[in-house]
Amino acid sequence: MSLRALPLKGVAMMIILGIKGNEWAWQYKRWDSIEQFRRRQRIWMYWGIAAFVAPFVLILGIVLIIVGILGYSGYIR
């Protein structure tokens, strides 16, 4: 398998899961009600957004700490 094909497969899988994911989740488990299913899917959506945003926030925090340390020590004016 080529390393160039991996990102394309990842993008394709994200698209497929975005289109079919809720349908598959609905079919996989017996839910008490549509409201319960939607509530659970909303929770998963929030966790997914948090997992996507967290690395960017972490990197930004590290960069700000480094800039702060360099500024405090006089390397940046």
Protein backbone atom coordinates (compact mmCIF):
# COMPACT_ATOMS: atom_id res chain seq x y z
CA MET A 1 0.00 0.00 0.00
CA SER A 2 1.31 3.39 -0.97
CA LEU A 3 1.70 6.09 1.66
CA ARG A 4 0.10 8.54 -0.77
CA ALA A 5 -3.10 6.49 -0.81
CA LEU A 6 -3.58 6.68 2.97
CA PRO A 7 -4.82 10.30 3.13
CA LEU A 8 -7.21 9.68 0.23
CA LYS A 9 -8.63 6.62 1.97
CA GLY A 10 -9.03 8.61 5.18
CA VAL A 11 -10.89 11.40 3.41
CA ALA A 12 -13.07 8.88 1.59
CA MET A 13 -13.88 7.14 4.88
CA MET A 14 -14.81 10.46 6.53
CA ILE A 15 -17.18 11.22 3.66
CA ILE A 16 -18.77 7.76 3.77
CA LEU A 17 -19.19 7.88 7.55
CA GLY A 18 -20.61 11.40 7.32
CA ILE A 19 -23.20 10.27 4.80
CA LYS A 20 -24.09 6.82 6.16
CA GLY A 21 -22.98 6.95 9.81
CA ASN A 22 -26.30 7.91 11.40
CA GLU A 23 -28.17 5.33 9.34
CA TRP A 24 -25.74 2.58 10.33
CA ALA A 25 -25.89 3.62 14.00
CA TRP A 26 -29.71 3.54 13.88
CA GLN A 27 -29.69 0.05 12.34
CA TYR A 28 -26.98 -1.37 14.61
CA LYS A 29 -28.78 -0.98 17.94
CA ARG A 30 -32.39 -1.06 19.06
CA TRP A 31 -33.21 2.37 20.42
CA ASP A 32 -36.04 3.22 22.81
CA SER A 33 -37.02 6.28 20.78
CA ILE A 34 -35.85 8.60 18.03
CA GLU A 35 -35.26 11.26 20.70
CA GLN A 36 -32.85 8.97 22.57
CA PHE A 37 -31.00 8.23 19.33
CA ARG A 38 -30.73 11.90 18.40
CA ARG A 39 -29.58 12.83 21.91
CA ARG A 40 -26.85 10.16 21.76
CA GLN A 41 -25.78 11.26 18.27
CA ARG A 42 -25.59 14.88 19.46
CA ILE A 43 -23.29 13.83 22.33
CA TRP A 44 -21.05 11.96 19.87
CA MET A 45 -21.02 15.02 17.61
CA TYR A 46 -19.82 17.25 20.46
CA TRP A 47 -17.08 14.79 21.37
CA GLY A 48 -16.03 14.58 17.72
CA ILE A 49 -15.78 18.35 17.44
CA ALA A 50 -13.78 18.47 20.68
CA ALA A 51 -11.42 15.76 19.42
CA PHE A 52 -10.93 17.70 16.17
CA VAL A 53 -10.34 21.10 17.85
CA ALA A 54 -8.22 19.91 20.81
CA PRO A 55 -4.93 19.39 18.87
CA PHE A 56 -5.15 22.89 17.40
CA VAL A 57 -5.77 24.41 20.82
CA LEU A 58 -2.88 22.40 22.26
CA ILE A 59 -0.49 23.51 19.50
CA LEU A 60 -1.59 27.14 19.87
CA GLY A 61 -1.04 26.91 23.64
CA ILE A 62 2.45 25.47 23.18
CA VAL A 63 3.35 28.18 20.66
CA LEU A 64 2.08 30.90 23.01
CA ILE A 65 4.06 29.44 25.91
CA ILE A 66 7.25 29.32 23.81
CA VAL A 67 6.75 32.90 22.59
CA GLY A 68 6.06 33.99 26.17
CA ILE A 69 9.20 32.32 27.47
CA LEU A 70 11.31 33.78 24.66
CA GLY A 71 9.83 37.23 25.27
CA TYR A 72 10.37 36.99 29.01
CA SER A 73 14.00 35.96 28.56
CA GLY A 74 14.68 38.84 26.17
CA TYR A 75 15.06 36.96 22.92
CA ILE A 76 11.91 38.61 21.49
CA ARG A 77 11.23 42.31 21.94
